[in-house]
Amino acid sequence: MIQIDIDADLNMVDDDDRNLAPRPTDMTGLSVGAVVVAGRPGAWSWVRVDEITKTAVFFRQLSVREAESHGELALAAAR
């Protein structure tokens, strides 16, 4: 199962064609420039965070090739 870092409707975009979502309460690993997973189970994408405000996170979806260039795409299973 994929770990989703930003709960988001991937169809919601701003005027600059960036996705946006409410700012998560758990900001672990979330910073501008970070590559994380956004979406919901069954519809998710690797994304790069563009901006974080007090209420929202703005990001752009990445191809798997772009995401791979930033490191491992899989996390070890919790024990």
PDB file of N, CA and C in Angstrom:
ATOM      1  N   MET A   1       0.840  -1.178   0.000  1.00  0.00           N
ATOM      2  CA  MET A   1       0.000   0.000   0.000  1.00  0.00           C
ATOM      3  C   MET A   1       0.890   1.248   0.000  1.00  0.00           C
ATOM      4  N   ILE A   2       0.531   2.240  -0.757  1.00  0.00           N
ATOM      5  CA  ILE A   2       1.303   3.478  -0.864  1.00  0.00           C
ATOM      6  C   ILE A   2       1.014   4.382   0.331  1.00  0.00           C
ATOM      7  N   GLN A   3       2.037   5.064   0.803  1.00  0.00           N
ATOM      8  CA  GLN A   3       1.868   6.038   1.886  1.00  0.00           C
ATOM      9  C   GLN A   3       1.587   7.387   1.250  1.00  0.00           C
ATOM     10  N   ILE A   4       0.420   7.939   1.474  1.00  0.00           N
ATOM     11  CA  ILE A   4       0.048   9.229   0.897  1.00  0.00           C
ATOM     12  C   ILE A   4       0.399  10.335   1.890  1.00  0.00           C
ATOM     13  N   ASP A   5       1.220  11.282   1.441  1.00  0.00           N
ATOM     14  CA  ASP A   5       1.689  12.370   2.294  1.00  0.00           C
ATOM     15  C   ASP A   5       0.748  13.566   2.293  1.00  0.00           C
ATOM     16  N   ILE A   6       0.071  13.798   1.155  1.00  0.00           N
ATOM     17  CA  ILE A   6      -0.863  14.917   1.026  1.00  0.00           C
ATOM     18  C   ILE A   6      -2.189  14.365   0.529  1.00  0.00           C
ATOM     19  N   ASP A   7      -3.230  14.446   1.362  1.00  0.00           N
ATOM     20  CA  ASP A   7      -4.566  14.024   0.951  1.00  0.00           C
ATOM     21  C   ASP A   7      -5.100  15.078  -0.013  1.00  0.00           C
ATOM     22  N   ALA A   8      -5.314  14.695  -1.268  1.00  0.00           N
ATOM     23  CA  ALA A   8      -5.656  15.696  -2.275  1.00  0.00           C
ATOM     24  C   ALA A   8      -6.560  15.134  -3.358  1.00  0.00           C
ATOM     25  N   ASP A   9      -7.413  16.003  -3.888  1.00  0.00           N
ATOM     26  CA  ASP A   9      -8.169  15.742  -5.106  1.00  0.00           C
ATOM     27  C   ASP A   9      -7.271  16.215  -6.242  1.00  0.00           C
ATOM     28  N   LEU A  10      -6.722  15.297  -7.015  1.00  0.00           N
ATOM     29  CA  LEU A  10      -5.750  15.656  -8.051  1.00  0.00           C
ATOM     30  C   LEU A  10      -6.365  16.399  -9.236  1.00  0.00           C
ATOM     31  N   ASN A  11      -7.680  16.597  -9.225  1.00  0.00           N
ATOM     32  CA  ASN A  11      -8.328  17.392 -10.270  1.00  0.00           C
ATOM     33  C   ASN A  11      -8.419  18.867  -9.881  1.00  0.00           C
ATOM     34  N   MET A  12      -8.101  19.200  -8.629  1.00  0.00           N
ATOM     35  CA  MET A  12      -8.182  20.584  -8.174  1.00  0.00           C
ATOM     36  C   MET A  12      -6.881  21.309  -8.513  1.00  0.00           C
ATOM     37  N   VAL A  13      -6.994  22.364  -9.339  1.00  0.00           N
ATOM     38  CA  VAL A  13      -5.814  23.136  -9.752  1.00  0.00           C
ATOM     39  C   VAL A  13      -6.083  24.632  -9.602  1.00  0.00           C
ATOM     40  N   ASP A  14      -4.998  25.401  -9.468  1.00  0.00           N
ATOM     41  CA  ASP A  14      -5.124  26.853  -9.395  1.00  0.00           C
ATOM     42  C   ASP A  14      -4.933  27.459 -10.785  1.00  0.00           C
ATOM     43  N   ASP A  15      -4.881  28.783 -10.850  1.00  0.00           N
ATOM     44  CA  ASP A  15      -4.742  29.473 -12.142  1.00  0.00           C
ATOM     45  C   ASP A  15      -3.398  29.229 -12.815  1.00  0.00           C
ATOM     46  N   ASP A  16      -2.395  28.773 -12.046  1.00  0.00           N
ATOM     47  CA  ASP A  16      -1.079  28.459 -12.606  1.00  0.00           C
ATOM     48  C   ASP A  16      -0.947  26.982 -12.951  1.00  0.00           C
ATOM     49  N   ASP A  17      -2.074  26.259 -12.947  1.00  0.00           N
ATOM     50  CA  ASP A  17      -2.128  24.833 -13.273  1.00  0.00           C
ATOM     51  C   ASP A  17      -1.370  23.964 -12.262  1.00  0.00           C
ATOM     52  N   ARG A  18      -1.261  24.459 -11.020  1.00  0.00           N
ATOM     53  CA  ARG A  18      -0.682  23.665  -9.942  1.00  0.00           C
ATOM     54  C   ARG A  18      -1.808  23.003  -9.166  1.00  0.00           C
ATOM     55  N   ASN A  19      -1.574  21.799  -8.700  1.00  0.00           N
ATOM     56  CA  ASN A  19      -2.537  21.167  -7.803  1.00  0.00           C
ATOM     57  C   ASN A  19      -2.465  21.862  -6.451  1.00  0.00           C
ATOM     58  N   LEU A  20      -3.570  21.809  -5.708  1.00  0.00           N
ATOM     59  CA  LEU A  20      -3.575  22.361  -4.370  1.00  0.00           C
ATOM     60  C   LEU A  20      -4.425  21.492  -3.464  1.00  0.00           C
ATOM     61  N   ALA A  21      -4.092  21.531  -2.181  1.00  0.00           N
ATOM     62  CA  ALA A  21      -4.804  20.735  -1.189  1.00  0.00           C
ATOM     63  C   ALA A  21      -4.699  21.445   0.152  1.00  0.00           C
ATOM     64  N   PRO A  22      -5.612  21.135   1.074  1.00  0.00           N
ATOM     65  CA  PRO A  22      -5.470  21.694   2.416  1.00  0.00           C
ATOM     66  C   PRO A  22      -4.138  21.261   3.024  1.00  0.00           C
ATOM     67  N   ARG A  23      -3.545  22.139   3.811  1.00  0.00           N
ATOM     68  CA  ARG A  23      -2.269  21.835   4.463  1.00  0.00           C
ATOM     69  C   ARG A  23      -2.468  20.690   5.461  1.00  0.00           C
ATOM     70  N   PRO A  24      -1.659  19.625   5.358  1.00  0.00           N
ATOM     71  CA  PRO A  24      -1.803  18.501   6.284  1.00  0.00           C
ATOM     72  C   PRO A  24      -1.429  18.903   7.711  1.00  0.00           C
ATOM     73  N   THR A  25      -2.059  18.265   8.693  1.00  0.00           N
ATOM     74  CA  THR A  25      -1.702  18.542  10.079  1.00  0.00           C
ATOM     75  C   THR A  25      -0.344  17.949  10.410  1.00  0.00           C
ATOM     76  N   ASP A  26       0.001  16.820   9.792  1.00  0.00           N
ATOM     77  CA  ASP A  26       1.320  16.201   9.987  1.00  0.00           C
ATOM     78  C   ASP A  26       2.224  16.655   8.844  1.00  0.00           C
ATOM     79  N   MET A  27       3.155  17.544   9.155  1.00  0.00           N
ATOM     80  CA  MET A  27       4.034  18.108   8.127  1.00  0.00           C
ATOM     81  C   MET A  27       5.358  17.355   8.011  1.00  0.00           C
ATOM     82  N   THR A  28       5.463  16.152   8.561  1.00  0.00           N
ATOM     83  CA  THR A  28       6.699  15.375   8.520  1.00  0.00           C
ATOM     84  C   THR A  28       7.143  15.156   7.074  1.00  0.00           C
ATOM     85  N   GLY A  29       8.353  15.597   6.753  1.00  0.00           N
ATOM     86  CA  GLY A  29       8.910  15.415   5.415  1.00  0.00           C
ATOM     87  C   GLY A  29       8.350  16.345   4.358  1.00  0.00           C
ATOM     88  N   LEU A  30       7.519  17.287   4.762  1.00  0.00           N
ATOM     89  CA  LEU A  30       6.891  18.175   3.794  1.00  0.00           C
ATOM     90  C   LEU A  30       7.553  19.549   3.849  1.00  0.00           C
ATOM     91  N   SER A  31       8.225  19.917   2.762  1.00  0.00           N
ATOM     92  CA  SER A  31       8.857  21.225   2.648  1.00  0.00           C
ATOM     93  C   SER A  31       8.875  21.596   1.171  1.00  0.00           C
ATOM     94  N   VAL A  32       9.073  22.865   0.892  1.00  0.00           N
ATOM     95  CA  VAL A  32       9.133  23.315  -0.500  1.00  0.00           C
ATOM     96  C   VAL A  32      10.286  22.585  -1.189  1.00  0.00           C
ATOM     97  N   GLY A  33      10.005  22.021  -2.358  1.00  0.00           N
ATOM     98  CA  GLY A  33      10.988  21.264  -3.124  1.00  0.00           C
ATOM     99  C   GLY A  33      10.967  19.770  -2.863  1.00  0.00           C
ATOM    100  N   ALA A  34      10.281  19.338  -1.804  1.00  0.00           N
ATOM    101  CA  ALA A  34      10.220  17.914  -1.470  1.00  0.00           C
ATOM    102  C   ALA A  34       9.417  17.145  -2.519  1.00  0.00           C
ATOM    103  N   VAL A  35       9.838  15.901  -2.775  1.00  0.00           N
ATOM    104  CA  VAL A  35       9.095  15.001  -3.657  1.00  0.00           C
ATOM    105  C   VAL A  35       8.358  14.027  -2.753  1.00  0.00           C
ATOM    106  N   VAL A  36       7.019  14.056  -2.827  1.00  0.00           N
ATOM    107  CA  VAL A  36       6.167  13.251  -1.959  1.00  0.00           C
ATOM    108  C   VAL A  36       5.014  12.674  -2.777  1.00  0.00           C
ATOM    109  N   VAL A  37       4.139  11.922  -2.117  1.00  0.00           N
ATOM    110  CA  VAL A  37       2.970  11.338  -2.768  1.00  0.00           C
ATOM    111  C   VAL A  37       1.728  12.126  -2.376  1.00  0.00           C
ATOM    112  N   ALA A  38       0.921  12.497  -3.370  1.00  0.00           N
ATOM    113  CA  ALA A  38      -0.333  13.207  -3.132  1.00  0.00           C
ATOM    114  C   ALA A  38      -1.465  12.461  -3.811  1.00  0.00           C
ATOM    115  N   GLY A  39      -2.653  12.586  -3.263  1.00  0.00           N
ATOM    116  CA  GLY A  39      -3.841  11.967  -3.836  1.00  0.00           C
ATOM    117  C   GLY A  39      -4.601  11.180  -2.796  1.00  0.00           C
ATOM    118  N   ARG A  40      -5.192  10.083  -3.242  1.00  0.00           N
ATOM    119  CA  ARG A  40      -5.974   9.202  -2.386  1.00  0.00           C
ATOM    120  C   ARG A  40      -5.741   7.768  -2.858  1.00  0.00           C
ATOM    121  N   PRO A  41      -6.020   6.780  -2.006  1.00  0.00           N
ATOM    122  CA  PRO A  41      -5.840   5.390  -2.459  1.00  0.00           C
ATOM    123  C   PRO A  41      -6.582   5.172  -3.787  1.00  0.00           C
ATOM    124  N   GLY A  42      -5.915   4.617  -4.744  1.00  0.00           N
ATOM    125  CA  GLY A  42      -6.516   4.360  -6.054  1.00  0.00           C
ATOM    126  C   GLY A  42      -6.277   5.470  -7.065  1.00  0.00           C
ATOM    127  N   ALA A  43      -5.891   6.662  -6.617  1.00  0.00           N
ATOM    128  CA  ALA A  43      -5.615   7.784  -7.528  1.00  0.00           C
ATOM    129  C   ALA A  43      -4.595   8.694  -6.862  1.00  0.00           C
ATOM    130  N   TRP A  44      -3.317   8.431  -7.105  1.00  0.00           N
ATOM    131  CA  TRP A  44      -2.245   9.199  -6.469  1.00  0.00           C
ATOM    132  C   TRP A  44      -1.146   9.481  -7.487  1.00  0.00           C
ATOM    133  N   SER A  45      -0.252  10.384  -7.113  1.00  0.00           N
ATOM    134  CA  SER A  45       0.845  10.759  -7.998  1.00  0.00           C
ATOM    135  C   SER A  45       2.040  11.211  -7.165  1.00  0.00           C
ATOM    136  N   TRP A  46       3.234  11.022  -7.726  1.00  0.00           N
ATOM    137  CA  TRP A  46       4.425  11.631  -7.156  1.00  0.00           C
ATOM    138  C   TRP A  46       4.351  13.103  -7.507  1.00  0.00           C
ATOM    139  N   VAL A  47       4.671  13.978  -6.539  1.00  0.00           N
ATOM    140  CA  VAL A  47       4.579  15.421  -6.756  1.00  0.00           C
ATOM    141  C   VAL A  47       5.780  16.132  -6.152  1.00  0.00           C
ATOM    142  N   ARG A  48       6.046  17.347  -6.641  1.00  0.00           N
ATOM    143  CA  ARG A  48       7.051  18.216  -6.030  1.00  0.00           C
ATOM    144  C   ARG A  48       6.298  19.402  -5.423  1.00  0.00           C
ATOM    145  N   VAL A  49       6.557  19.677  -4.145  1.00  0.00           N
ATOM    146  CA  VAL A  49       5.893  20.767  -3.431  1.00  0.00           C
ATOM    147  C   VAL A  49       6.461  22.101  -3.920  1.00  0.00           C
ATOM    148  N   ASP A  50       5.564  22.995  -4.362  1.00  0.00           N
ATOM    149  CA  ASP A  50       5.959  24.326  -4.843  1.00  0.00           C
ATOM    150  C   ASP A  50       5.853  25.388  -3.758  1.00  0.00           C
ATOM    151  N   GLU A  51       4.801  25.292  -2.944  1.00  0.00           N
ATOM    152  CA  GLU A  51       4.532  26.351  -1.967  1.00  0.00           C
ATOM    153  C   GLU A  51       3.704  25.783  -0.824  1.00  0.00           C
ATOM    154  N   ILE A  52       3.975  26.259   0.374  1.00  0.00           N
ATOM    155  CA  ILE A  52       3.187  25.885   1.548  1.00  0.00           C
ATOM    156  C   ILE A  52       2.754  27.176   2.224  1.00  0.00           C
ATOM    157  N   THR A  53       1.438  27.329   2.398  1.00  0.00           N
ATOM    158  CA  THR A  53       0.908  28.492   3.108  1.00  0.00           C
ATOM    159  C   THR A  53       0.340  28.025   4.439  1.00  0.00           C
ATOM    160  N   LYS A  54      -0.274  28.932   5.183  1.00  0.00           N
ATOM    161  CA  LYS A  54      -0.875  28.559   6.472  1.00  0.00           C
ATOM    162  C   LYS A  54      -2.017  27.571   6.300  1.00  0.00           C
ATOM    163  N   THR A  55      -2.657  27.572   5.133  1.00  0.00           N
ATOM    164  CA  THR A  55      -3.845  26.738   4.945  1.00  0.00           C
ATOM    165  C   THR A  55      -3.762  25.734   3.798  1.00  0.00           C
ATOM    166  N   ALA A  56      -2.783  25.883   2.900  1.00  0.00           N
ATOM    167  CA  ALA A  56      -2.771  25.035   1.701  1.00  0.00           C
ATOM    168  C   ALA A  56      -1.354  24.632   1.291  1.00  0.00           C
ATOM    169  N   VAL A  57      -1.309  23.577   0.477  1.00  0.00           N
ATOM    170  CA  VAL A  57      -0.064  23.119  -0.142  1.00  0.00           C
ATOM    171  C   VAL A  57      -0.289  23.137  -1.652  1.00  0.00           C
ATOM    172  N   PHE A  58       0.657  23.714  -2.388  1.00  0.00           N
ATOM    173  CA  PHE A  58       0.609  23.776  -3.848  1.00  0.00           C
ATOM    174  C   PHE A  58       1.715  22.883  -4.390  1.00  0.00           C
ATOM    175  N   PHE A  59       1.396  22.094  -5.414  1.00  0.00           N
ATOM    176  CA  PHE A  59       2.381  21.140  -5.931  1.00  0.00           C
ATOM    177  C   PHE A  59       2.112  20.837  -7.395  1.00  0.00           C
ATOM    178  N   ARG A  60       3.120  20.235  -8.042  1.00  0.00           N
ATOM    179  CA  ARG A  60       3.003  19.811  -9.443  1.00  0.00           C
ATOM    180  C   ARG A  60       3.270  18.317  -9.530  1.00  0.00           C
ATOM    181  N   GLN A  61       2.488  17.633 -10.345  1.00  0.00           N
ATOM    182  CA  GLN A  61       2.658  16.190 -10.519  1.00  0.00           C
ATOM    183  C   GLN A  61       3.914  15.906 -11.334  1.00  0.00           C
ATOM    184  N   LEU A  62       4.588  14.798 -10.993  1.00  0.00           N
ATOM    185  CA  LEU A  62       5.816  14.387 -11.666  1.00  0.00           C
ATOM    186  C   LEU A  62       5.613  13.061 -12.388  1.00  0.00           C
ATOM    187  N   SER A  63       6.410  12.837 -13.408  1.00  0.00           N
ATOM    188  CA  SER A  63       6.452  11.512 -14.025  1.00  0.00           C
ATOM    189  C   SER A  63       7.277  10.617 -13.111  1.00  0.00           C
ATOM    190  N   VAL A  64       7.158   9.312 -13.267  1.00  0.00           N
ATOM    191  CA  VAL A  64       7.943   8.397 -12.437  1.00  0.00           C
ATOM    192  C   VAL A  64       9.434   8.609 -12.672  1.00  0.00           C
ATOM    193  N   ARG A  65       9.816   8.920 -13.889  1.00  0.00           N
ATOM    194  CA  ARG A  65      11.233   9.173 -14.199  1.00  0.00           C
ATOM    195  C   ARG A  65      11.748  10.387 -13.425  1.00  0.00           C
ATOM    196  N   GLU A  66      10.952  11.468 -13.374  1.00  0.00           N
ATOM    197  CA  GLU A  66      11.343  12.645 -12.601  1.00  0.00           C
ATOM    198  C   GLU A  66      11.436  12.308 -11.109  1.00  0.00           C
ATOM    199  N   ALA A  67      10.469  11.562 -10.597  1.00  0.00           N
ATOM    200  CA  ALA A  67      10.460  11.191  -9.180  1.00  0.00           C
ATOM    201  C   ALA A  67      11.656  10.304  -8.837  1.00  0.00           C
ATOM    202  N   GLU A  68      11.989   9.360  -9.712  1.00  0.00           N
ATOM    203  CA  GLU A  68      13.124   8.464  -9.483  1.00  0.00           C
ATOM    204  C   GLU A  68      14.440   9.221  -9.365  1.00  0.00           C
ATOM    205  N   SER A  69      14.550  10.343 -10.058  1.00  0.00           N
ATOM    206  CA  SER A  69      15.795  11.104 -10.025  1.00  0.00           C
ATOM    207  C   SER A  69      16.033  11.759  -8.662  1.00  0.00           C
ATOM    208  N   HIS A  70      15.041  11.704  -7.781  1.00  0.00           N
ATOM    209  CA  HIS A  70      15.154  12.297  -6.443  1.00  0.00           C
ATOM    210  C   HIS A  70      15.377  11.260  -5.356  1.00  0.00           C
ATOM    211  N   GLY A  71      15.528   9.993  -5.729  1.00  0.00           N
ATOM    212  CA  GLY A  71      15.813   8.961  -4.737  1.00  0.00           C
ATOM    213  C   GLY A  71      14.869   7.779  -4.816  1.00  0.00           C
ATOM    214  N   GLU A  72      14.921   6.936  -3.778  1.00  0.00           N
ATOM    215  CA  GLU A  72      14.094   5.750  -3.722  1.00  0.00           C
ATOM    216  C   GLU A  72      12.607   6.080  -3.722  1.00  0.00           C
ATOM    217  N   LEU A  73      11.836   5.344  -4.469  1.00  0.00           N
ATOM    218  CA  LEU A  73      10.392   5.569  -4.520  1.00  0.00           C
ATOM    219  C   LEU A  73       9.633   4.636  -3.581  1.00  0.00           C
ATOM    220  N   ALA A  74      10.314   3.666  -3.004  1.00  0.00           N
ATOM    221  CA  ALA A  74       9.639   2.697  -2.115  1.00  0.00           C
ATOM    222  C   ALA A  74      10.231   2.810  -0.723  1.00  0.00           C
ATOM    223  N   LEU A  75       9.361   2.706   0.277  1.00  0.00           N
ATOM    224  CA  LEU A  75       9.787   2.695   1.675  1.00  0.00           C
ATOM    225  C   LEU A  75       9.824   1.263   2.162  1.00  0.00           C
ATOM    226  N   ALA A  76      10.713   0.973   3.077  1.00  0.00           N
ATOM    227  CA  ALA A  76      10.749  -0.367   3.682  1.00  0.00           C
ATOM    228  C   ALA A  76       9.470  -0.580   4.484  1.00  0.00           C
ATOM    229  N   ALA A  77       8.991  -1.802   4.499  1.00  0.00           N
ATOM    230  CA  ALA A  77       7.774  -2.127   5.246  1.00  0.00           C
ATOM    231  C   ALA A  77       8.027  -1.961   6.745  1.00  0.00           C
ATOM    232  N   ALA A  78       7.020  -1.444   7.437  1.00  0.00           N
ATOM    233  CA  ALA A  78       7.128  -1.299   8.896  1.00  0.00           C
ATOM    234  C   ALA A  78       7.122  -2.669   9.551  1.00  0.00           C
ATOM    235  N   ARG A  79       7.905  -2.833  10.587  1.00  0.00           N
ATOM    236  CA  ARG A  79       7.974  -4.125  11.292  1.00  0.00           C
ATOM    237  C   ARG A  79       7.249  -4.070  12.587  1.00  0.00           C
TER     238      ARG A  79
END
